[in-house]
Amino acid sequence: MSRSVTEVQEANRERARPMAPDDRRAAMIEAVIPLLKQHGRDVSTRQIAEACGVAEGTVFRAFKDKESLITAAIEAYFDPLPFRTAIASIDPDLPVEQKLGAVLRLLRERFSGVIGFMSALRMSDGPPPVVRTAGAEWIDRLQELLAPNVDELAVPIELVAYHLRLVAFASSIPPFNIPHRFSDEELLALVAHGVLKPEGSHRCSGASF
């Protein structure tokens, strides 16, 4: 059904309504992150303006130069809050193994994104301080998530966190997935069950010690 003239005019006014400065900056940062993943620091101001749907001059009114926008985008991308929020959003009533699998997937996505982003931007000095100081906060969220399952764990929750982080990080480095690309399920089995069969399910080799 076609809209009335009044509805069209109202929609046009809504589109034309200027954004608040902070909202415009946030929208530009969100728009430039995919460009940085693709082009790194070689992204042009024209590409940025087109992605933001604004004129190049508008970009420089929001940010003093391209490098300022890139710096703001890096800080936004490495912000650990969305990752911690995602862990806190996992259903606490899930079985413990499903919880571990969900955390492992989030960690792998996080590390893969960070490594790819750093590579595209040629960040040889490592991630920014906001990442290096993020430390224990996500482990606090994991402690809360796994608290109902503590009797099912063979090691403290903090050590579970380190196991998950180690496996997720290593499997997010491309050469470590050659020649076998590990799935989330395989890595979860490694963390949750190791590489040995359950006790009593295999025979002794007969070797003497």
N, C-alpha and C. Protein backbone atom coordinates (compact mmCIF):
# COMPACT_ATOMS: atom_id res chain seq x y z
N MET A 1 0.85 -1.18 0.00
CA MET A 1 0.00 0.00 0.00
C MET A 1 0.89 1.23 0.00
N SER A 2 0.59 2.20 -0.87
CA SER A 2 1.42 3.38 -0.99
C SER A 2 1.23 4.30 0.20
N ARG A 3 2.29 5.03 0.53
CA ARG A 3 2.21 5.92 1.67
C ARG A 3 1.58 7.25 1.26
N SER A 4 1.00 7.93 2.23
CA SER A 4 0.40 9.24 1.96
C SER A 4 1.49 10.28 1.79
N VAL A 5 1.11 11.43 1.25
CA VAL A 5 2.07 12.53 1.08
C VAL A 5 2.65 12.94 2.43
N THR A 6 1.80 12.96 3.45
CA THR A 6 2.27 13.35 4.78
C THR A 6 3.31 12.38 5.31
N GLU A 7 3.09 11.08 5.10
CA GLU A 7 4.04 10.07 5.56
C GLU A 7 5.36 10.20 4.84
N VAL A 8 5.34 10.46 3.54
CA VAL A 8 6.57 10.64 2.76
C VAL A 8 7.33 11.86 3.24
N GLN A 9 6.60 12.96 3.49
CA GLN A 9 7.26 14.17 3.96
C GLN A 9 7.90 13.95 5.33
N GLU A 10 7.19 13.23 6.20
CA GLU A 10 7.73 12.95 7.53
C GLU A 10 8.98 12.09 7.44
N ALA A 11 8.98 11.09 6.54
CA ALA A 11 10.15 10.24 6.35
C ALA A 11 11.33 11.04 5.83
N ASN A 12 11.06 11.96 4.89
CA ASN A 12 12.13 12.79 4.34
C ASN A 12 12.72 13.69 5.43
N ARG A 13 11.87 14.24 6.29
CA ARG A 13 12.36 15.09 7.38
C ARG A 13 13.22 14.28 8.34
N GLU A 14 12.80 13.03 8.58
CA GLU A 14 13.56 12.17 9.48
C GLU A 14 14.94 11.89 8.91
N ARG A 15 15.01 11.62 7.59
CA ARG A 15 16.32 11.36 6.97
C ARG A 15 17.19 12.60 6.96
N ALA A 16 16.57 13.74 6.81
CA ALA A 16 17.34 14.98 6.69
C ALA A 16 17.75 15.53 8.05
N ARG A 17 17.15 15.01 9.13
CA ARG A 17 17.45 15.52 10.46
C ARG A 17 18.92 15.29 10.78
N PRO A 18 19.65 16.34 11.14
CA PRO A 18 21.08 16.18 11.41
C PRO A 18 21.32 15.32 12.63
N MET A 19 22.40 14.53 12.57
CA MET A 19 22.75 13.69 13.69
C MET A 19 23.50 14.51 14.73
N ALA A 20 23.37 14.10 15.98
CA ALA A 20 24.17 14.72 17.03
C ALA A 20 25.64 14.40 16.76
N PRO A 21 26.56 15.30 17.12
CA PRO A 21 27.99 15.08 16.83
C PRO A 21 28.51 13.73 17.30
N ASP A 22 28.17 13.32 18.52
CA ASP A 22 28.66 12.05 19.03
C ASP A 22 28.08 10.88 18.24
N ASP A 23 26.81 10.98 17.85
CA ASP A 23 26.19 9.92 17.06
C ASP A 23 26.85 9.82 15.69
N ARG A 24 27.16 10.99 15.11
CA ARG A 24 27.81 10.97 13.79
C ARG A 24 29.20 10.36 13.88
N ARG A 25 29.94 10.71 14.90
CA ARG A 25 31.27 10.12 15.09
C ARG A 25 31.17 8.61 15.25
N ALA A 26 30.22 8.17 16.07
CA ALA A 26 30.06 6.73 16.30
C ALA A 26 29.69 6.01 15.01
N ALA A 27 28.82 6.63 14.19
CA ALA A 27 28.43 6.02 12.93
C ALA A 27 29.60 5.93 11.97
N MET A 28 30.44 6.95 11.96
CA MET A 28 31.62 6.94 11.09
C MET A 28 32.62 5.88 11.53
N ILE A 29 32.80 5.75 12.82
CA ILE A 29 33.72 4.73 13.35
C ILE A 29 33.23 3.34 12.95
N GLU A 30 31.94 3.10 13.10
CA GLU A 30 31.38 1.80 12.74
C GLU A 30 31.54 1.52 11.26
N ALA A 31 31.38 2.55 10.43
CA ALA A 31 31.48 2.38 8.98
C ALA A 31 32.91 2.16 8.52
N VAL A 32 33.88 2.72 9.24
CA VAL A 32 35.27 2.65 8.77
C VAL A 32 35.94 1.35 9.18
N ILE A 33 35.46 0.66 10.21
CA ILE A 33 36.11 -0.57 10.67
C ILE A 33 36.22 -1.62 9.56
N PRO A 34 35.14 -1.93 8.80
CA PRO A 34 35.28 -2.90 7.70
C PRO A 34 36.29 -2.46 6.65
N LEU A 35 36.39 -1.14 6.41
CA LEU A 35 37.37 -0.65 5.44
C LEU A 35 38.79 -0.87 5.93
N LEU A 36 39.01 -0.69 7.22
CA LEU A 36 40.34 -0.91 7.77
C LEU A 36 40.73 -2.38 7.69
N LYS A 37 39.77 -3.28 7.90
CA LYS A 37 40.05 -4.71 7.76
C LYS A 37 40.45 -5.05 6.34
N GLN A 38 39.86 -4.36 5.37
CA GLN A 38 40.11 -4.66 3.96
C GLN A 38 41.33 -3.94 3.42
N HIS A 39 41.48 -2.66 3.78
CA HIS A 39 42.53 -1.83 3.16
C HIS A 39 43.63 -1.41 4.13
N GLY A 40 43.44 -1.63 5.42
CA GLY A 40 44.42 -1.16 6.37
C GLY A 40 44.50 0.35 6.37
N ARG A 41 45.67 0.87 6.66
CA ARG A 41 45.86 2.31 6.73
C ARG A 41 45.87 2.97 5.34
N ASP A 42 45.85 2.17 4.30
CA ASP A 42 45.82 2.71 2.94
C ASP A 42 44.42 3.15 2.52
N VAL A 43 43.42 2.94 3.37
CA VAL A 43 42.08 3.37 3.02
C VAL A 43 42.08 4.88 2.75
N SER A 44 41.34 5.29 1.74
CA SER A 44 41.32 6.71 1.36
C SER A 44 40.17 7.43 2.04
N THR A 45 40.31 8.75 2.16
CA THR A 45 39.23 9.54 2.74
C THR A 45 37.98 9.48 1.86
N ARG A 46 38.17 9.32 0.57
CA ARG A 46 37.00 9.18 -0.30
C ARG A 46 36.24 7.89 0.01
N GLN A 47 36.98 6.79 0.19
CA GLN A 47 36.34 5.52 0.55
C GLN A 47 35.61 5.66 1.89
N ILE A 48 36.24 6.35 2.83
CA ILE A 48 35.62 6.55 4.14
C ILE A 48 34.33 7.35 4.00
N ALA A 49 34.40 8.44 3.25
CA ALA A 49 33.23 9.30 3.08
C ALA A 49 32.09 8.54 2.40
N GLU A 50 32.42 7.75 1.38
CA GLU A 50 31.39 6.97 0.69
C GLU A 50 30.75 5.95 1.62
N ALA A 51 31.57 5.28 2.44
CA ALA A 51 31.04 4.30 3.37
C ALA A 51 30.15 4.95 4.43
N CYS A 52 30.49 6.18 4.80
CA CYS A 52 29.71 6.90 5.80
C CYS A 52 28.50 7.60 5.20
N GLY A 53 28.47 7.71 3.87
CA GLY A 53 27.37 8.41 3.22
C GLY A 53 27.40 9.89 3.42
N VAL A 54 28.62 10.46 3.49
CA VAL A 54 28.78 11.91 3.70
C VAL A 54 29.85 12.43 2.75
N ALA A 55 29.97 13.76 2.70
CA ALA A 55 31.04 14.38 1.93
C ALA A 55 32.35 14.28 2.71
N GLU A 56 33.47 14.34 1.99
CA GLU A 56 34.77 14.24 2.66
C GLU A 56 34.94 15.33 3.71
N GLY A 57 34.41 16.51 3.42
CA GLY A 57 34.53 17.61 4.37
C GLY A 57 33.86 17.30 5.69
N THR A 58 32.77 16.55 5.63
CA THR A 58 32.06 16.18 6.86
C THR A 58 32.92 15.28 7.74
N VAL A 59 33.70 14.41 7.09
CA VAL A 59 34.60 13.54 7.85
C VAL A 59 35.57 14.38 8.66
N PHE A 60 36.12 15.40 8.04
CA PHE A 60 37.13 16.22 8.71
C PHE A 60 36.53 17.21 9.70
N ARG A 61 35.23 17.41 9.65
CA ARG A 61 34.59 18.20 10.70
C ARG A 61 34.37 17.35 11.95
N ALA A 62 34.22 16.05 11.75
CA ALA A 62 34.04 15.15 12.90
C ALA A 62 35.38 14.71 13.49
N PHE A 63 36.38 14.54 12.64
CA PHE A 63 37.72 14.13 13.05
C PHE A 63 38.72 15.06 12.36
N LYS A 64 39.75 15.45 13.07
CA LYS A 64 40.64 16.46 12.50
C LYS A 64 41.41 15.94 11.30
N ASP A 65 41.64 14.62 11.23
CA ASP A 65 42.32 14.04 10.08
C ASP A 65 42.01 12.54 10.02
N LYS A 66 42.48 11.88 8.97
CA LYS A 66 42.21 10.46 8.79
C LYS A 66 42.81 9.63 9.92
N GLU A 67 43.99 9.98 10.37
CA GLU A 67 44.64 9.21 11.42
C GLU A 67 43.84 9.26 12.71
N SER A 68 43.22 10.40 13.01
CA SER A 68 42.39 10.51 14.21
C SER A 68 41.20 9.57 14.13
N LEU A 69 40.60 9.46 12.95
CA LEU A 69 39.48 8.54 12.77
C LEU A 69 39.95 7.09 12.90
N ILE A 70 41.09 6.78 12.32
CA ILE A 70 41.62 5.41 12.41
C ILE A 70 41.91 5.06 13.87
N THR A 71 42.50 5.98 14.61
CA THR A 71 42.80 5.74 16.02
C THR A 71 41.51 5.48 16.81
N ALA A 72 40.47 6.27 16.53
CA ALA A 72 39.20 6.10 17.22
C ALA A 72 38.58 4.74 16.86
N ALA A 73 38.71 4.34 15.60
CA ALA A 73 38.17 3.05 15.16
C ALA A 73 38.92 1.89 15.83
N ILE A 74 40.23 2.02 15.96
CA ILE A 74 41.02 0.98 16.63
C ILE A 74 40.58 0.83 18.08
N GLU A 75 40.42 1.95 18.77
CA GLU A 75 39.99 1.90 20.17
C GLU A 75 38.61 1.26 20.30
N ALA A 76 37.72 1.60 19.37
CA ALA A 76 36.37 1.03 19.41
C ALA A 76 36.40 -0.47 19.13
N TYR A 77 37.21 -0.88 18.17
CA TYR A 77 37.25 -2.29 17.81
C TYR A 77 37.82 -3.15 18.94
N PHE A 78 38.81 -2.62 19.64
CA PHE A 78 39.45 -3.39 20.71
C PHE A 78 38.76 -3.24 22.06
N ASP A 79 37.70 -2.47 22.11
CA ASP A 79 36.97 -2.30 23.36
C ASP A 79 36.52 -3.68 23.87
N PRO A 80 36.94 -4.08 25.07
CA PRO A 80 36.61 -5.43 25.56
C PRO A 80 35.19 -5.57 26.09
N LEU A 81 34.47 -4.47 26.25
CA LEU A 81 33.14 -4.54 26.85
C LEU A 81 32.17 -5.44 26.07
N PRO A 82 32.08 -5.34 24.74
CA PRO A 82 31.14 -6.22 24.03
C PRO A 82 31.45 -7.70 24.24
N PHE A 83 32.73 -8.04 24.32
CA PHE A 83 33.11 -9.44 24.55
C PHE A 83 32.67 -9.90 25.92
N ARG A 84 32.92 -9.08 26.94
CA ARG A 84 32.50 -9.44 28.29
C ARG A 84 30.98 -9.54 28.37
N THR A 85 30.29 -8.63 27.68
CA THR A 85 28.82 -8.66 27.68
C THR A 85 28.31 -9.94 27.03
N ALA A 86 28.98 -10.37 25.96
CA ALA A 86 28.56 -11.60 25.27
C ALA A 86 28.70 -12.81 26.19
N ILE A 87 29.76 -12.86 26.96
CA ILE A 87 29.93 -13.98 27.91
C ILE A 87 28.83 -13.93 28.97
N ALA A 88 28.54 -12.73 29.47
CA ALA A 88 27.51 -12.59 30.48
C ALA A 88 26.13 -12.95 29.95
N SER A 89 25.97 -12.93 28.62
CA SER A 89 24.67 -13.22 28.01
C SER A 89 24.44 -14.71 27.77
N ILE A 90 25.45 -15.54 27.98
CA ILE A 90 25.28 -16.98 27.80
C ILE A 90 24.30 -17.51 28.85
N ASP A 91 23.41 -18.36 28.43
CA ASP A 91 22.38 -18.92 29.32
C ASP A 91 23.05 -19.70 30.47
N PRO A 92 22.88 -19.28 31.70
CA PRO A 92 23.52 -19.98 32.84
C PRO A 92 22.93 -21.35 33.10
N ASP A 93 21.78 -21.66 32.51
CA ASP A 93 21.15 -22.95 32.73
C ASP A 93 21.59 -24.02 31.74
N LEU A 94 22.46 -23.65 30.79
CA LEU A 94 22.96 -24.64 29.84
C LEU A 94 23.84 -25.67 30.55
N PRO A 95 23.95 -26.88 29.97
CA PRO A 95 24.93 -27.83 30.50
C PRO A 95 26.34 -27.24 30.43
N VAL A 96 27.20 -27.67 31.32
CA VAL A 96 28.52 -27.05 31.43
C VAL A 96 29.31 -27.14 30.13
N GLU A 97 29.20 -28.27 29.41
CA GLU A 97 29.98 -28.39 28.18
C GLU A 97 29.50 -27.41 27.11
N GLN A 98 28.20 -27.15 27.08
CA GLN A 98 27.68 -26.15 26.13
C GLN A 98 28.15 -24.75 26.51
N LYS A 99 28.23 -24.48 27.78
CA LYS A 99 28.77 -23.18 28.22
C LYS A 99 30.22 -23.02 27.76
N LEU A 100 31.03 -24.06 28.00
CA LEU A 100 32.43 -23.99 27.58
C LEU A 100 32.54 -23.80 26.07
N GLY A 101 31.69 -24.49 25.32
CA GLY A 101 31.71 -24.34 23.87
C GLY A 101 31.36 -22.93 23.43
N ALA A 102 30.38 -22.32 24.09
CA ALA A 102 29.98 -20.96 23.75
C ALA A 102 31.11 -19.97 24.04
N VAL A 103 31.77 -20.13 25.17
CA VAL A 103 32.89 -19.24 25.52
C VAL A 103 34.04 -19.44 24.55
N LEU A 104 34.33 -20.68 24.21
CA LEU A 104 35.42 -20.96 23.27
C LEU A 104 35.15 -20.32 21.92
N ARG A 105 33.92 -20.39 21.43
CA ARG A 105 33.59 -19.77 20.15
C ARG A 105 33.78 -18.26 20.21
N LEU A 106 33.34 -17.65 21.32
CA LEU A 106 33.50 -16.21 21.46
C LEU A 106 34.98 -15.82 21.49
N LEU A 107 35.78 -16.61 22.20
CA LEU A 107 37.21 -16.33 22.27
C LEU A 107 37.87 -16.46 20.90
N ARG A 108 37.52 -17.50 20.16
CA ARG A 108 38.11 -17.70 18.83
C ARG A 108 37.71 -16.56 17.89
N GLU A 109 36.46 -16.15 17.94
CA GLU A 109 36.01 -15.03 17.10
C GLU A 109 36.77 -13.77 17.48
N ARG A 110 36.94 -13.55 18.77
CA ARG A 110 37.64 -12.36 19.24
C ARG A 110 39.09 -12.37 18.78
N PHE A 111 39.80 -13.47 19.01
CA PHE A 111 41.21 -13.53 18.65
C PHE A 111 41.39 -13.47 17.13
N SER A 112 40.56 -14.17 16.38
CA SER A 112 40.68 -14.14 14.92
C SER A 112 40.48 -12.73 14.39
N GLY A 113 39.49 -12.03 14.95
CA GLY A 113 39.25 -10.65 14.53
C GLY A 113 40.40 -9.73 14.88
N VAL A 114 40.89 -9.87 16.10
CA VAL A 114 41.99 -9.02 16.56
C VAL A 114 43.25 -9.26 15.74
N ILE A 115 43.59 -10.52 15.51
CA ILE A 115 44.80 -10.84 14.74
C ILE A 115 44.68 -10.32 13.31
N GLY A 116 43.52 -10.52 12.68
CA GLY A 116 43.32 -10.02 11.33
C GLY A 116 43.37 -8.51 11.27
N PHE A 117 42.78 -7.86 12.25
CA PHE A 117 42.76 -6.39 12.29
C PHE A 117 44.17 -5.84 12.47
N MET A 118 44.92 -6.43 13.39
CA MET A 118 46.28 -5.99 13.61
C MET A 118 47.15 -6.20 12.38
N SER A 119 46.95 -7.31 11.69
CA SER A 119 47.71 -7.58 10.48
C SER A 119 47.40 -6.55 9.39
N ALA A 120 46.12 -6.24 9.21
CA ALA A 120 45.73 -5.28 8.18
C ALA A 120 46.31 -3.90 8.47
N LEU A 121 46.40 -3.55 9.75
CA LEU A 121 46.90 -2.22 10.13
C LEU A 121 48.39 -2.21 10.42
N ARG A 122 49.03 -3.38 10.23
CA ARG A 122 50.47 -3.49 10.45
C ARG A 122 50.87 -3.00 11.85
N MET A 123 50.14 -3.49 12.85
CA MET A 123 50.38 -3.09 14.24
C MET A 123 51.43 -4.00 14.84
N SER A 124 52.68 -3.76 14.53
CA SER A 124 53.79 -4.62 14.97
C SER A 124 54.07 -4.48 16.46
N ASP A 125 53.59 -3.40 17.08
CA ASP A 125 53.86 -3.19 18.50
C ASP A 125 52.81 -3.85 19.40
N GLY A 126 51.91 -4.60 18.80
CA GLY A 126 50.90 -5.28 19.60
C GLY A 126 49.64 -4.44 19.74
N PRO A 127 48.65 -4.98 20.44
CA PRO A 127 47.38 -4.29 20.58
C PRO A 127 47.51 -3.06 21.48
N PRO A 128 46.53 -2.16 21.41
CA PRO A 128 46.58 -0.96 22.25
C PRO A 128 46.41 -1.28 23.71
N PRO A 129 46.71 -0.32 24.60
CA PRO A 129 46.65 -0.58 26.05
C PRO A 129 45.29 -1.07 26.52
N VAL A 130 44.19 -0.65 25.88
CA VAL A 130 42.86 -1.07 26.32
C VAL A 130 42.71 -2.58 26.27
N VAL A 131 43.44 -3.24 25.36
CA VAL A 131 43.40 -4.70 25.27
C VAL A 131 44.33 -5.32 26.30
N ARG A 132 45.53 -4.76 26.42
CA ARG A 132 46.51 -5.34 27.33
C ARG A 132 46.09 -5.24 28.79
N THR A 133 45.21 -4.28 29.11
CA THR A 133 44.77 -4.10 30.49
C THR A 133 43.38 -4.68 30.73
N ALA A 134 42.80 -5.37 29.73
CA ALA A 134 41.44 -5.90 29.87
C ALA A 134 41.40 -7.08 30.83
N GLY A 135 42.53 -7.82 30.89
CA GLY A 135 42.82 -8.90 31.80
C GLY A 135 41.70 -9.70 32.41
N ALA A 136 41.44 -9.41 33.68
CA ALA A 136 40.63 -10.32 34.50
C ALA A 136 39.13 -10.14 34.34
N GLU A 137 38.68 -9.06 33.71
CA GLU A 137 37.24 -8.80 33.70
C GLU A 137 36.45 -9.93 33.06
N TRP A 138 36.93 -10.47 31.93
CA TRP A 138 36.18 -11.53 31.27
C TRP A 138 36.22 -12.81 32.10
N ILE A 139 37.29 -13.00 32.86
CA ILE A 139 37.37 -14.17 33.74
C ILE A 139 36.34 -14.05 34.86
N ASP A 140 36.09 -12.82 35.31
CA ASP A 140 35.05 -12.62 36.32
C ASP A 140 33.69 -13.06 35.77
N ARG A 141 33.43 -12.73 34.49
CA ARG A 141 32.16 -13.15 33.87
C ARG A 141 32.10 -14.68 33.77
N LEU A 142 33.25 -15.29 33.47
CA LEU A 142 33.30 -16.75 33.37
C LEU A 142 33.08 -17.38 34.74
N GLN A 143 33.64 -16.77 35.77
CA GLN A 143 33.43 -17.28 37.12
C GLN A 143 31.94 -17.31 37.45
N GLU A 144 31.24 -16.26 37.10
CA GLU A 144 29.80 -16.20 37.36
C GLU A 144 29.05 -17.25 36.54
N LEU A 145 29.46 -17.43 35.28
CA LEU A 145 28.78 -18.37 34.41
C LEU A 145 28.94 -19.81 34.88
N LEU A 146 30.15 -20.15 35.33
CA LEU A 146 30.45 -21.55 35.69
C LEU A 146 30.27 -21.84 37.18
N ALA A 147 29.92 -20.86 37.96
CA ALA A 147 29.75 -21.08 39.40
C ALA A 147 28.81 -22.23 39.73
N PRO A 148 27.69 -22.40 38.99
CA PRO A 148 26.81 -23.53 39.32
C PRO A 148 27.42 -24.89 38.98
N ASN A 149 28.51 -24.90 38.21
CA ASN A 149 29.08 -26.16 37.72
C ASN A 149 30.42 -26.48 38.36
N VAL A 150 30.76 -25.78 39.43
CA VAL A 150 32.11 -25.91 39.97
C VAL A 150 32.41 -27.35 40.38
N ASP A 151 31.42 -28.10 40.83
CA ASP A 151 31.67 -29.49 41.25
C ASP A 151 31.93 -30.41 40.06
N GLU A 152 31.63 -29.95 38.86
CA GLU A 152 31.86 -30.77 37.66
C GLU A 152 33.24 -30.53 37.05
N LEU A 153 33.95 -29.54 37.57
CA LEU A 153 35.23 -29.15 36.99
C LEU A 153 36.39 -29.80 37.74
N ALA A 154 37.39 -30.26 36.99
CA ALA A 154 38.56 -30.89 37.59
C ALA A 154 39.60 -29.87 38.02
N VAL A 155 39.47 -28.62 37.56
CA VAL A 155 40.43 -27.57 37.88
C VAL A 155 39.64 -26.31 38.25
N PRO A 156 40.28 -25.34 38.91
CA PRO A 156 39.59 -24.10 39.24
C PRO A 156 39.11 -23.37 37.98
N ILE A 157 38.07 -22.56 38.13
CA ILE A 157 37.50 -21.86 36.97
C ILE A 157 38.54 -20.95 36.32
N GLU A 158 39.39 -20.33 37.11
CA GLU A 158 40.42 -19.46 36.53
C GLU A 158 41.33 -20.24 35.59
N LEU A 159 41.67 -21.46 35.96
CA LEU A 159 42.51 -22.29 35.10
C LEU A 159 41.74 -22.73 33.85
N VAL A 160 40.45 -22.99 34.00
CA VAL A 160 39.61 -23.26 32.82
C VAL A 160 39.70 -22.10 31.84
N ALA A 161 39.64 -20.88 32.36
CA ALA A 161 39.73 -19.69 31.52
C ALA A 161 41.05 -19.66 30.76
N TYR A 162 42.15 -19.99 31.45
CA TYR A 162 43.47 -19.97 30.79
C TYR A 162 43.56 -21.06 29.72
N HIS A 163 42.99 -22.23 29.99
CA HIS A 163 42.97 -23.30 28.99
C HIS A 163 42.20 -22.86 27.75
N LEU A 164 41.02 -22.31 27.95
CA LEU A 164 40.20 -21.86 26.83
C LEU A 164 40.91 -20.77 26.04
N ARG A 165 41.51 -19.83 26.76
CA ARG A 165 42.20 -18.71 26.09
C ARG A 165 43.39 -19.20 25.28
N LEU A 166 44.16 -20.12 25.85
CA LEU A 166 45.33 -20.64 25.16
C LEU A 166 44.94 -21.35 23.87
N VAL A 167 43.95 -22.24 23.97
CA VAL A 167 43.51 -23.01 22.80
C VAL A 167 42.90 -22.08 21.75
N ALA A 168 42.09 -21.13 22.19
CA ALA A 168 41.45 -20.21 21.24
C ALA A 168 42.48 -19.35 20.54
N PHE A 169 43.46 -18.85 21.27
CA PHE A 169 44.48 -17.99 20.66
C PHE A 169 45.32 -18.75 19.65
N ALA A 170 45.81 -19.91 20.07
CA ALA A 170 46.67 -20.69 19.18
C ALA A 170 45.93 -21.07 17.90
N SER A 171 44.66 -21.46 18.02
CA SER A 171 43.91 -21.90 16.84
C SER A 171 43.47 -20.73 15.97
N SER A 172 43.67 -19.50 16.44
CA SER A 172 43.32 -18.32 15.66
C SER A 172 44.49 -17.81 14.83
N ILE A 173 45.67 -18.40 15.01
CA ILE A 173 46.85 -18.02 14.23
C ILE A 173 46.86 -18.91 12.98
N PRO A 174 46.71 -18.34 11.80
CA PRO A 174 46.51 -19.15 10.58
C PRO A 174 47.48 -20.31 10.40
N PRO A 175 48.80 -20.14 10.56
CA PRO A 175 49.70 -21.29 10.32
C PRO A 175 49.44 -22.47 11.24
N PHE A 176 48.86 -22.22 12.42
CA PHE A 176 48.60 -23.31 13.36
C PHE A 176 47.40 -24.14 12.95
N ASN A 177 46.69 -23.72 11.93
CA ASN A 177 45.55 -24.49 11.42
C ASN A 177 45.91 -25.23 10.14
N ILE A 178 47.21 -25.37 9.88
CA ILE A 178 47.68 -26.09 8.70
C ILE A 178 48.50 -27.29 9.19
N PRO A 179 48.27 -28.48 8.64
CA PRO A 179 47.37 -28.83 7.53
C PRO A 179 45.95 -29.15 7.97
N HIS A 180 45.68 -29.11 9.30
CA HIS A 180 44.34 -29.48 9.78
C HIS A 180 43.69 -28.25 10.37
N ARG A 181 42.53 -27.88 9.83
CA ARG A 181 41.79 -26.74 10.37
C ARG A 181 40.87 -27.22 11.48
N PHE A 182 41.12 -26.78 12.68
CA PHE A 182 40.37 -27.25 13.83
C PHE A 182 38.99 -26.61 13.90
N SER A 183 38.01 -27.44 14.22
CA SER A 183 36.64 -26.94 14.42
C SER A 183 36.45 -26.59 15.89
N ASP A 184 35.41 -25.83 16.19
CA ASP A 184 35.10 -25.50 17.58
C ASP A 184 34.85 -26.78 18.38
N GLU A 185 34.18 -27.75 17.76
CA GLU A 185 33.86 -28.99 18.46
C GLU A 185 35.11 -29.79 18.82
N GLU A 186 36.08 -29.82 17.91
CA GLU A 186 37.32 -30.54 18.20
C GLU A 186 38.08 -29.89 19.35
N LEU A 187 38.13 -28.59 19.34
CA LEU A 187 38.86 -27.89 20.38
C LEU A 187 38.14 -27.98 21.72
N LEU A 188 36.83 -27.96 21.69
CA LEU A 188 36.07 -28.14 22.92
C LEU A 188 36.35 -29.52 23.51
N ALA A 189 36.38 -30.55 22.66
CA ALA A 189 36.68 -31.90 23.14
C ALA A 189 38.06 -31.96 23.76
N LEU A 190 39.02 -31.24 23.19
CA LEU A 190 40.38 -31.22 23.73
C LEU A 190 40.39 -30.61 25.12
N VAL A 191 39.70 -29.48 25.27
CA VAL A 191 39.69 -28.80 26.57
C VAL A 191 38.91 -29.61 27.60
N ALA A 192 37.75 -30.13 27.19
CA ALA A 192 36.87 -30.79 28.15
C ALA A 192 37.29 -32.21 28.48
N HIS A 193 37.92 -32.92 27.51
CA HIS A 193 38.18 -34.35 27.71
C HIS A 193 39.62 -34.77 27.45
N GLY A 194 40.46 -33.88 26.91
CA GLY A 194 41.83 -34.24 26.64
C GLY A 194 41.95 -35.19 25.47
N VAL A 195 43.07 -35.91 25.40
CA VAL A 195 43.32 -36.80 24.26
C VAL A 195 43.33 -38.27 24.66
N LEU A 196 43.12 -38.56 25.94
CA LEU A 196 43.11 -39.96 26.39
C LEU A 196 41.68 -40.46 26.50
N LYS A 197 41.51 -41.73 26.25
CA LYS A 197 40.20 -42.35 26.43
C LYS A 197 39.87 -42.38 27.92
N PRO A 198 38.57 -42.42 28.25
CA PRO A 198 38.20 -42.52 29.66
C PRO A 198 38.83 -43.75 30.32
N GLU A 199 39.17 -43.62 31.58
CA GLU A 199 39.82 -44.72 32.30
C GLU A 199 38.98 -45.99 32.21
N GLY A 200 39.66 -47.09 31.87
CA GLY A 200 38.99 -48.37 31.78
C GLY A 200 38.45 -48.69 30.39
N SER A 201 38.52 -47.70 29.45
CA SER A 201 37.98 -47.95 28.10
C SER A 201 39.07 -48.45 27.15
N HIS A 202 40.30 -48.53 27.63
CA HIS A 202 41.37 -49.02 26.78
C HIS A 202 42.23 -50.01 27.57
N ARG A 203 42.86 -50.88 26.85
CA ARG A 203 43.68 -51.89 27.50
C ARG A 203 45.09 -51.37 27.72
N CYS A 204 45.71 -51.92 28.72
CA CYS A 204 47.11 -51.59 28.98
C CYS A 204 47.97 -52.13 27.82
N SER A 205 48.94 -51.38 27.42
CA SER A 205 49.78 -51.78 26.28
C SER A 205 50.67 -52.96 26.61
N GLY A 206 50.84 -53.24 27.89
CA GLY A 206 51.69 -54.34 28.28
C GLY A 206 53.12 -53.93 28.52
N ALA A 207 53.42 -52.68 28.32
CA ALA A 207 54.77 -52.20 28.55
C ALA A 207 55.06 -52.19 30.05
N SER A 208 56.28 -52.53 30.40
CA SER A 208 56.66 -52.52 31.83
C SER A 208 57.45 -51.27 32.13
N PHE A 209 57.28 -50.77 33.33
CA PHE A 209 57.97 -49.54 33.72
C PHE A 209 58.76 -49.78 34.99
